[in-house]
Protein backbone atom coordinates (compact mmCIF):
# COMPACT_ATOMS: atom_id res chain seq x y z
CA MET A 1 115.02 124.00 83.76
CA ALA A 2 118.45 121.67 84.06
CA PRO A 3 118.21 118.69 86.15
CA GLN A 4 119.75 119.11 89.32
CA LYS A 5 122.82 116.58 90.72
CA LEU A 6 122.18 114.47 92.92
CA TYR A 7 124.76 114.63 95.78
CA ALA A 8 124.08 112.07 98.42
CA GLY A 9 127.49 111.63 100.49
CA VAL A 10 125.40 111.81 104.01
CA LYS A 11 123.25 108.52 102.49
CA LEU A 12 126.34 106.78 101.20
CA ARG A 13 128.68 106.86 104.41
CA GLU A 14 125.41 105.57 106.52
CA LEU A 15 124.56 103.14 104.12
CA ARG A 16 128.38 101.78 104.06
CA SER A 17 128.54 101.84 107.88
CA ARG A 18 125.26 100.09 108.21
CA LEU A 19 126.69 97.38 105.81
CA GLY A 20 130.22 97.14 107.56
CA LEU A 21 131.96 97.59 104.64
CA THR A 22 135.32 99.38 104.10
CA GLN A 23 135.51 101.94 101.13
CA LYS A 24 137.67 99.81 99.17
CA GLU A 25 134.81 97.38 99.72
CA PHE A 26 132.03 98.93 98.79
CA ALA A 27 134.00 101.04 95.96
CA ALA A 28 134.40 97.38 94.29
CA LYS A 29 131.00 96.76 94.71
CA LEU A 30 129.49 99.79 93.02
CA GLY A 31 132.40 99.44 89.94
CA VAL A 32 133.91 102.37 90.74
CA SER A 33 137.47 103.60 92.03
CA LEU A 34 138.36 104.21 95.53
CA PRO A 35 139.19 108.02 95.11
CA TYR A 36 135.67 108.30 93.24
CA LEU A 37 133.93 106.75 96.00
CA ASN A 38 136.03 109.39 98.47
CA GLN A 39 134.51 112.28 96.22
CA MET A 40 131.24 111.20 96.18
CA GLU A 41 130.88 110.51 100.06
CA ASN A 42 132.56 114.05 100.42
CA ASN A 43 129.93 115.40 98.34
CA ASN A 44 132.81 116.73 96.03
CA ARG A 45 130.96 114.67 92.87
CA PRO A 46 127.37 113.79 92.49
CA VAL A 47 125.83 110.38 92.49
CA SER A 48 126.53 108.90 89.03
CA THR A 49 123.43 106.87 87.42
CA SER A 50 125.80 103.66 87.49
CA VAL A 51 126.05 104.42 90.86
CA VAL A 52 122.48 104.36 91.42
CA LEU A 53 121.88 101.76 89.17
CA ALA A 54 124.39 99.41 91.48
CA LEU A 55 123.31 100.41 94.80
CA ALA A 56 119.60 98.90 93.44
CA SER A 57 120.80 96.19 91.95
CA GLU A 58 123.65 94.82 94.46
CA PHE A 59 122.07 96.42 97.75
CA GLY A 60 118.28 96.14 96.68
CA PHE A 61 118.66 100.20 98.22
CA ASP A 62 115.73 102.07 97.15
CA VAL A 63 117.41 105.02 95.58
CA THR A 64 114.28 107.69 95.92
CA GLU A 65 116.26 107.74 99.69
CA LEU A 66 119.12 109.38 98.26
CA SER A 67 116.79 112.44 97.19
CA ALA A 68 118.03 115.59 99.10
CA GLY A 69 114.62 116.09 100.95
CA ASP A 70 116.63 116.58 104.17
CA SER A 71 119.00 118.58 102.95
CA GLU A 72 116.37 121.07 101.20
CA ARG A 73 114.49 121.28 104.59
CA LEU A 74 117.73 122.22 106.34
CA VAL A 75 118.69 124.73 103.95
CA SER A 76 115.44 126.24 104.06
CA ASP A 77 115.32 126.35 107.86
CA MET A 78 118.79 127.84 107.93
CA ARG A 79 117.87 130.23 105.41
CA GLU A 80 114.54 131.59 107.46
CA ALA A 81 116.80 131.57 111.16
CA LEU A 82 119.42 133.84 109.04
CA ALA A 83 116.66 136.03 108.12
CA ASP A 84 116.56 136.98 111.38
CA PRO A 85 117.75 140.68 112.47
CA VAL A 86 119.99 139.50 114.80
CA PHE A 87 122.35 138.39 112.20
CA THR A 88 123.26 141.97 111.03
CA ASP A 89 126.24 140.65 108.73
CA GLN A 90 125.02 139.66 105.03
CA PRO A 91 124.01 135.88 105.31
CA PRO A 92 126.21 133.27 103.95
CA PRO A 93 125.41 132.31 100.09
CA LEU A 94 122.88 129.59 99.28
CA ALA A 95 125.63 127.72 97.93
CA ASP A 96 127.35 127.64 101.49
CA LEU A 97 124.01 126.70 102.83
CA ARG A 98 123.74 123.85 100.79
CA LEU A 99 127.28 122.66 101.52
CA ALA A 100 126.52 122.38 104.88
CA ALA A 101 123.14 120.95 104.67
CA SER A 102 124.70 118.09 102.68
CA ASN A 103 128.15 117.76 104.23
CA ALA A 104 127.53 118.52 107.96
CA PRO A 105 123.81 118.04 108.64
CA ALA A 106 124.44 117.28 112.45
CA LEU A 107 126.12 120.85 112.37
CA ALA A 108 123.65 122.39 110.56
CA ARG A 109 120.69 121.11 113.00
CA ALA A 110 122.89 122.02 116.46
CA PHE A 111 122.52 125.77 114.57
CA LEU A 112 119.01 125.62 114.25
CA HIS A 113 118.72 124.20 117.40
CA LEU A 114 120.64 127.18 119.20
CA HIS A 115 119.11 129.88 117.17
CA ARG A 116 115.50 128.12 118.56
CA ALA A 117 116.98 128.56 121.86
CA TYR A 118 117.92 132.06 121.67
CA ARG A 119 114.52 132.99 120.31
CA GLN A 120 112.36 131.52 122.85
CA SER A 121 114.56 133.07 125.32
CA HIS A 122 114.11 136.59 123.62
CA GLU A 123 110.38 136.10 123.69
CA ARG A 124 110.31 135.10 127.37
CA LEU A 125 112.55 138.17 128.53
CA ALA A 126 110.12 140.27 125.96
CA SER A 127 106.93 139.05 127.50
CA LEU A 128 108.09 139.12 131.13
CA ASP A 129 106.93 135.54 131.59
CA GLU A 130 108.60 134.87 135.09
CA ALA A 131 111.58 132.99 133.81
CA LEU A 132 114.15 135.28 136.38
CA GLY A 133 114.31 133.04 139.52
CA ARG A 134 112.40 129.84 138.42
CA GLU A 135 114.25 126.54 138.46
CA ASP A 136 112.36 125.75 135.25
CA ALA A 137 114.01 129.04 133.28
CA ARG A 138 116.55 127.00 131.27
CA VAL A 139 115.84 127.39 127.82
CA GLN A 140 114.48 124.19 125.88
CA PRO A 141 112.32 123.81 122.52
CA SER A 142 108.68 124.85 122.68
CA PRO A 143 107.00 121.19 123.01
CA TRP A 144 104.57 121.95 120.38
CA GLU A 145 107.67 122.69 117.90
CA GLU A 146 109.64 119.72 119.00
CA VAL A 147 107.29 117.53 117.73
CA ARG A 148 106.57 119.40 114.84
CA ASP A 149 109.93 118.94 113.81
CA PHE A 150 109.86 115.29 114.53
CA PHE A 151 107.44 114.79 112.18
CA HIS A 152 108.92 117.22 109.59
CA TYR A 153 112.14 115.26 109.70
CA CYS A 154 110.81 111.97 109.49
CA ASP A 155 109.08 112.77 106.45
CA ASN A 156 105.52 112.70 108.02
CA TYR A 157 106.05 108.52 107.38
CA ILE A 158 106.30 106.36 110.45
CA ASP A 159 106.82 103.26 109.01
CA ALA A 160 106.19 100.56 112.13
CA VAL A 161 102.81 102.71 113.41
CA ASP A 162 101.44 102.69 109.61
CA ARG A 163 102.45 99.24 109.12
CA ALA A 164 100.64 98.51 112.59
CA ALA A 165 97.32 100.32 111.51
CA GLU A 166 97.51 98.46 108.04
CA HIS A 167 97.39 95.16 109.63
CA PHE A 168 94.31 96.42 112.15
CA ALA A 169 92.66 97.50 109.08
CA GLU A 170 92.93 94.16 107.51
CA LYS A 171 91.73 92.58 110.93
CA PHE A 172 88.76 94.94 111.41
CA ALA A 173 87.71 95.57 107.85
CA GLY A 174 84.75 97.10 106.73
CA PRO A 175 82.56 100.54 107.35
CA MET A 176 81.45 98.96 111.18
CA GLY A 177 85.39 97.76 111.59
CA ALA A 178 86.09 100.38 114.14
CA GLU A 179 82.82 99.79 116.41
CA HIS A 180 83.94 95.66 116.39
CA ALA A 181 87.18 96.62 117.88
CA LEU A 182 85.77 98.49 120.59
CA ASN A 183 83.30 95.39 121.61
CA ASP A 184 86.32 93.18 121.29
CA ASN A 185 88.36 95.20 123.92
CA GLY A 186 85.51 95.45 125.80
CA ILE A 187 84.22 99.42 125.29
CA THR A 188 81.21 100.24 125.08
CA LEU A 189 80.44 103.20 122.39
CA ARG A 190 78.08 106.25 123.13
CA LEU A 191 76.93 109.00 121.10
CA THR A 192 76.44 112.21 123.41
CA GLU A 193 75.25 115.87 123.20
CA GLY A 194 77.12 118.74 124.15
CA ALA A 195 80.78 120.06 122.55
CA ARG A 196 83.03 117.82 123.94
CA LEU A 197 83.87 115.76 120.96
CA ARG A 198 85.77 112.59 122.69
CA HIS A 199 85.97 111.21 126.20
CA PHE A 200 86.86 107.93 127.33
CA ASP A 201 86.04 106.70 131.00
CA SER A 202 88.81 103.91 131.41
CA GLU A 203 87.48 102.80 134.71
CA ASN A 204 83.78 101.71 133.21
CA MET A 205 85.39 101.23 129.56
CA VAL A 206 82.96 103.53 128.05
CA LEU A 207 83.84 105.65 125.17
CA SER A 208 81.88 108.81 124.55
CA ILE A 209 81.63 110.58 121.39
CA SER A 210 79.63 113.80 120.45
CA ASN A 211 76.82 113.05 118.39
CA ARG A 212 77.53 116.79 116.25
CA ALA A 213 80.58 115.45 114.94
CA ALA A 214 80.15 114.50 111.05
CA PRO A 215 80.30 110.71 110.49
CA GLU A 216 83.78 110.48 109.30
CA THR A 217 85.58 112.21 112.54
CA ARG A 218 83.43 110.43 115.00
CA ARG A 219 85.01 107.21 112.99
CA PHE A 220 88.26 108.94 113.21
CA GLN A 221 88.40 109.34 116.71
CA ILE A 222 87.23 106.00 117.71
CA LEU A 223 90.36 104.70 115.78
CA LEU A 224 92.46 107.16 117.71
CA GLN A 225 91.31 106.19 120.70
CA LEU A 226 91.72 102.56 119.89
CA ALA A 227 95.23 103.48 119.09
CA LEU A 228 95.84 105.16 122.39
CA ILE A 229 94.53 101.87 124.12
CA THR A 230 95.63 98.98 121.84
CA GLN A 231 99.11 100.24 120.52
CA ASN A 232 100.42 101.75 123.48
CA LYS A 233 103.69 100.11 123.68
CA LEU A 234 104.30 100.65 119.78
CA LEU A 235 103.41 104.19 120.26
CA ASP A 236 105.71 104.46 123.06
CA ALA A 237 108.88 102.63 121.81
CA THR A 238 108.45 105.08 118.82
CA LEU A 239 108.92 108.02 121.53
CA ASP A 240 111.51 106.46 123.56
CA LEU A 241 113.84 106.69 120.18
CA ALA A 242 112.63 110.37 119.73
CA ARG A 243 114.15 111.23 123.17
CA PHE A 244 111.90 114.35 123.82
CA HIS A 245 113.42 117.19 126.02
CA SER A 246 110.04 117.22 127.93
CA ASN A 247 106.96 115.28 129.04
CA GLU A 248 104.66 118.23 127.58
CA ALA A 249 106.40 117.23 124.32
CA ARG A 250 106.17 113.49 124.41
CA SER A 251 102.73 113.50 125.19
CA ILE A 252 101.90 115.74 122.61
CA ALA A 253 103.66 113.34 120.30
CA LYS A 254 101.85 110.61 121.78
CA ILE A 255 98.65 112.23 120.37
CA GLY A 256 100.20 113.05 117.11
CA LEU A 257 100.94 109.30 116.38
CA ALA A 258 97.67 107.98 117.45
CA ASN A 259 96.14 110.57 114.92
CA TYR A 260 98.68 109.02 112.64
CA PHE A 261 97.51 105.61 113.14
CA ALA A 262 93.70 106.87 112.73
CA GLY A 263 94.61 108.05 109.50
CA ALA A 264 96.75 105.12 108.69
CA ALA A 265 93.97 102.69 109.57
CA LEU A 266 90.84 104.57 108.00
CA MET A 267 93.16 104.97 104.77
CA PRO A 268 95.48 101.69 104.75
CA TYR A 269 98.56 101.94 102.87
CA THR A 270 98.62 99.85 100.14
CA ARG A 271 94.96 99.96 99.65
CA PHE A 272 94.83 104.04 99.67
CA LEU A 273 97.66 104.40 97.09
CA GLU A 274 96.17 101.99 94.89
CA ALA A 275 92.86 103.92 95.09
CA ALA A 276 94.55 106.67 94.78
CA LYS A 277 96.58 105.96 91.51
CA LYS A 278 92.89 104.60 90.11
CA TYR A 279 91.22 107.79 90.77
CA ARG A 280 94.27 110.21 89.71
CA HIS A 281 93.93 111.31 93.27
CA ASP A 282 90.40 113.08 93.07
CA LEU A 283 90.24 114.06 96.86
CA GLU A 284 86.15 113.32 96.67
CA LEU A 285 86.16 110.07 95.48
CA LEU A 286 88.73 109.22 97.66
CA ALA A 287 86.87 110.82 100.82
CA THR A 288 84.06 108.64 99.52
CA ARG A 289 86.00 105.19 98.90
CA PHE A 290 87.28 105.77 102.49
CA GLY A 291 84.82 107.27 104.49
CA ALA A 292 87.31 110.20 105.34
CA SER A 293 86.89 113.94 105.17
CA ILE A 294 88.80 116.30 102.29
CA GLU A 295 91.42 117.33 104.69
CA GLN A 296 92.26 113.47 106.09
CA VAL A 297 92.69 112.15 102.17
CA ALA A 298 94.91 115.39 101.64
CA HIS A 299 97.08 114.78 104.80
CA ARG A 300 97.22 111.14 103.61
CA LEU A 301 98.50 111.84 100.90
CA SER A 302 101.52 113.91 101.81
CA THR A 303 102.52 110.56 103.98
CA LEU A 304 102.58 108.10 101.47
CA GLN A 305 106.51 107.71 101.29
CA ARG A 306 106.68 104.25 102.47
CA PRO A 307 110.36 102.82 101.24
CA GLY A 308 110.31 100.81 98.13
CA ASN A 309 106.52 101.87 97.45
CA LYS A 310 106.15 105.40 97.26
CA GLY A 311 103.45 107.70 96.25
CA ILE A 312 103.87 111.33 94.72
CA PRO A 313 105.46 113.56 96.83
CA PHE A 314 103.13 116.11 97.60
CA PHE A 315 103.31 119.00 100.50
CA PHE A 316 100.33 119.47 102.61
CA VAL A 317 99.32 122.83 104.84
CA ARG A 318 96.48 124.04 106.68
CA VAL A 319 96.06 128.04 107.32
CA ASP A 320 93.83 130.03 109.46
CA GLN A 321 92.00 133.16 108.19
CA ALA A 322 95.00 135.09 109.64
CA GLY A 323 97.13 133.42 107.55
CA THR A 324 98.88 131.25 110.40
CA ILE A 325 100.35 127.69 109.17
CA THR A 326 98.58 125.71 111.77
CA LYS A 327 99.90 122.15 110.07
CA ARG A 328 102.72 121.74 107.54
CA HIS A 329 104.38 119.16 105.82
CA SER A 330 106.07 118.76 102.66
CA ALA A 331 107.72 115.43 100.96
CA THR A 332 108.71 117.48 97.74
CA ARG A 333 111.23 120.65 97.73
CA LEU A 334 108.82 123.41 98.94
CA GLN A 335 109.35 124.06 102.48
CA PHE A 336 106.99 126.11 104.93
CA ALA A 337 107.99 128.99 106.99
CA ARG A 338 108.54 127.93 110.32
CA PHE A 339 107.61 130.97 111.99
CA GLY A 340 104.62 133.55 110.71
CA GLY A 341 102.43 133.12 107.41
CA ALA A 342 102.59 131.82 104.03
CA CYS A 343 103.36 133.66 101.02
CA PRO A 344 100.03 135.97 100.20
CA LEU A 345 100.04 134.88 96.32
CA TRP A 346 99.57 131.31 97.36
CA ASN A 347 95.84 130.38 96.60
CA VAL A 348 95.18 128.68 100.17
CA HIS A 349 94.29 132.12 101.36
CA ARG A 350 91.97 133.14 98.30
CA ALA A 351 89.93 129.62 99.11
CA PHE A 352 88.32 131.15 102.32
CA GLU A 353 86.13 133.32 99.39
CA THR A 354 84.61 130.21 97.41
CA PRO A 355 83.58 127.75 99.93
CA ALA A 356 83.26 124.06 98.99
CA GLN A 357 85.41 124.70 95.39
CA PHE A 358 88.63 123.80 94.67
CA LEU A 359 91.05 126.54 93.50
CA ARG A 360 94.23 125.12 91.34
CA GLN A 361 97.22 127.24 90.82
CA LEU A 362 100.40 126.53 88.71
CA ALA A 363 103.09 128.15 90.63
CA GLU A 364 106.66 128.01 90.64
CA THR A 365 108.99 129.49 93.94
CA PRO A 366 112.34 131.34 93.53
CA ASP A 367 114.53 128.35 92.65
CA GLY A 368 112.59 127.94 89.41
CA VAL A 369 110.60 124.88 90.67
CA ARG A 370 107.02 124.36 89.27
CA TYR A 371 104.10 122.92 91.26
CA LEU A 372 100.63 122.30 90.70
CA CYS A 373 98.95 123.57 93.91
CA LEU A 374 94.94 122.23 95.20
CA ALA A 375 93.32 124.59 97.91
CA ARG A 376 90.06 124.09 99.57
CA ASP A 377 88.40 125.36 102.52
CA VAL A 378 87.80 123.19 105.35
CA SER A 379 85.65 124.98 107.71
CA LYS A 380 84.30 123.02 110.64
CA PRO A 381 80.81 124.14 111.64
CA GLY A 382 80.16 123.82 115.60
CA GLY A 383 77.00 121.62 115.33
CA ALA A 384 74.52 124.01 117.06
CA PHE A 385 73.26 127.15 116.83
CA GLY A 386 75.22 129.69 118.42
CA ALA A 387 78.42 127.34 118.36
CA PRO A 388 81.39 128.74 116.67
CA THR A 389 82.74 127.49 112.97
CA ARG A 390 86.32 126.71 112.97
CA ARG A 391 87.30 128.40 109.79
CA TYR A 392 90.41 127.00 108.06
CA ALA A 393 91.54 126.36 104.46
CA ILE A 394 94.07 123.56 103.33
CA CYS A 395 96.64 123.25 100.35
CA LEU A 396 98.10 120.10 98.53
CA GLY A 397 100.36 119.92 95.61
CA CYS A 398 102.92 118.54 93.86
CA GLU A 399 105.89 119.65 91.52
CA VAL A 400 104.28 119.64 88.00
CA ARG A 401 106.20 116.63 86.36
CA HIS A 402 103.73 114.86 88.15
CA ALA A 403 100.53 116.97 86.98
CA GLY A 404 99.74 113.89 84.54
CA ASP A 405 98.87 111.81 87.45
CA LEU A 406 96.40 114.19 88.83
CA VAL A 407 92.75 114.76 87.78
CA TYR A 408 93.02 118.43 88.77
CA ALA A 409 95.51 118.92 86.19
CA ASP A 410 93.18 118.46 82.82
CA SER A 411 92.60 121.60 80.94
CA LEU A 412 95.52 123.37 82.19
CA ASP A 413 98.38 124.21 79.67
CA VAL A 414 101.44 123.01 82.32
CA THR A 415 104.02 123.68 79.43
CA ASN A 416 102.90 127.41 79.16
CA SER A 417 105.25 129.31 81.54
CA ALA A 418 103.07 132.15 81.67
CA ALA A 419 100.56 130.14 83.51
CA PHE A 420 102.94 129.73 86.34
CA GLU A 421 102.18 132.38 89.42
CA PRO A 422 105.41 133.69 90.87
CA ILE A 423 104.89 132.58 95.03
CA GLY A 424 107.42 132.47 97.82
CA ILE A 425 108.10 131.28 101.19
CA SER A 426 108.69 134.13 103.62
CA CYS A 427 109.45 137.97 102.22
CA ARG A 428 112.98 137.87 104.64
CA ILE A 429 114.11 135.03 102.40
CA CYS A 430 112.13 135.42 99.13
CA GLU A 431 114.57 136.79 96.15
CA ARG A 432 112.00 138.17 93.85
CA THR A 433 112.63 141.78 93.57
CA ASP A 434 109.27 143.09 92.57
CA CYS A 435 106.49 141.22 94.31
CA HIS A 436 103.59 143.88 94.64
CA GLN A 437 102.65 141.95 97.92
CA ARG A 438 106.16 142.04 99.51
CA SER A 439 105.64 142.62 103.35
CA VAL A 440 109.16 143.30 104.26
CA PRO A 441 112.21 144.07 102.62
CA PRO A 442 114.50 140.89 101.48
CA LEU A 443 117.32 140.27 103.95
CA GLU A 444 119.87 139.28 101.11
CA ARG A 445 119.57 142.53 98.87
CA ARG A 446 120.23 145.85 98.89
CA LEU A 447 117.58 148.97 99.15
CA THR A 448 117.48 151.94 97.17
CA ILE A 449 115.31 154.57 98.63
CA THR A 450 114.40 157.78 96.66
CA PRO A 451 112.27 160.41 98.56
CA ASP A 452 110.77 161.88 95.38
CA GLU A 453 109.95 158.21 93.81
CA ARG A 454 107.32 156.02 94.62
CA GLY A 455 106.10 152.38 93.25
CA VAL A 456 104.11 150.29 94.21
CA LEU A 457 107.05 149.74 97.42
CA PRO A 458 108.67 152.23 99.07
CA TYR A 459 111.80 151.31 97.93
CA ARG A 460 113.27 149.36 95.23
CA VAL A 461 115.22 145.92 95.60
CA ASP A 462 118.52 145.84 94.19
CA LYS A 463 119.26 143.24 91.90
């Protein structure tokens, strides 16, 4: 597959503005003509190799920031929004969506916000949830979705929080570091019976953790509570910049940031990245090394996007038994469906059938990009007879060009095209015409329906 050309006009304009340079001054420092820079900034020309090198040498710019991650996310989100039946006309060509995401990202986000408002308004009316006559009936983003999008467009990496967690881990190193931090803050730790996982009595400074939880879960919950207590100013400052629409969204995001801090303190960035490279991203070895769970390790791997010291761009997803995505993040070109379940051809759905085993899959998306996917069930017992078990499966993956850095690629023939299974994102926007697991027709294709003929599907998708 031919390498994609790099269009990064928005990033170039942002950098020039940040440096306070005119186009003429910026072009001179990059060693290009003024018209050439103007064409690159307007995405009429791709960024050349010489410009990439000049950005790194002249300005110390982390050239990995030029990647089209944000644009790919916007394109994926717009395609899914345009698959809504409310758009009855033929959707815009993919090339137009890419131009909009590259040249006018603010406009693309405004469109997504508008569609989300429409969808939520429609759902309110359909469910008769008393929207009429209420003072707070104006349409706002769902707090949960707003927080999800906040992390999604931050590339799931929050630099200030990550570095604060790394500093905390240096101060309170070792297996008992979290307990020592509690003592330093005058907090008493108690292990209790019962299903409630964590409770902090701020008046008596007592933190209660359920002894039913696994050791790594208990440690994570201690670090989470310490984040809420010791990093409150940092978390609030980060939330102030996000400008959430509601107090509910801000509260959910604060818990999310505390979770982020806990994971980053449990697996400090620099040490964890070095260990990941050393162990070739073996999740079990990393879990043992850092006293974490498999899910915590997989999630942390997907956050290693610190400018100047990035890890492999991974995607990470968690699904329940119904196929609903409960956690999602992608630092790769692969994006997940915002609404509904994941592609049924994905190996994450088979993980429930093989408890405590890793499933490997070589997969190819409709855009021709190939991935190595690793799936495993992470079901969580209730800790007592009769207590419900929460059943989940996770999937971690990266583009196959990184396969040599993963122990899970050993013995797989990544050069064999026939070894890659076709997967998609959402049936409505999937371009495959011959998928035997298709649930609904693709929006961008015409159908041929012949009453006297039946194949795998009751219709034929025209190419």
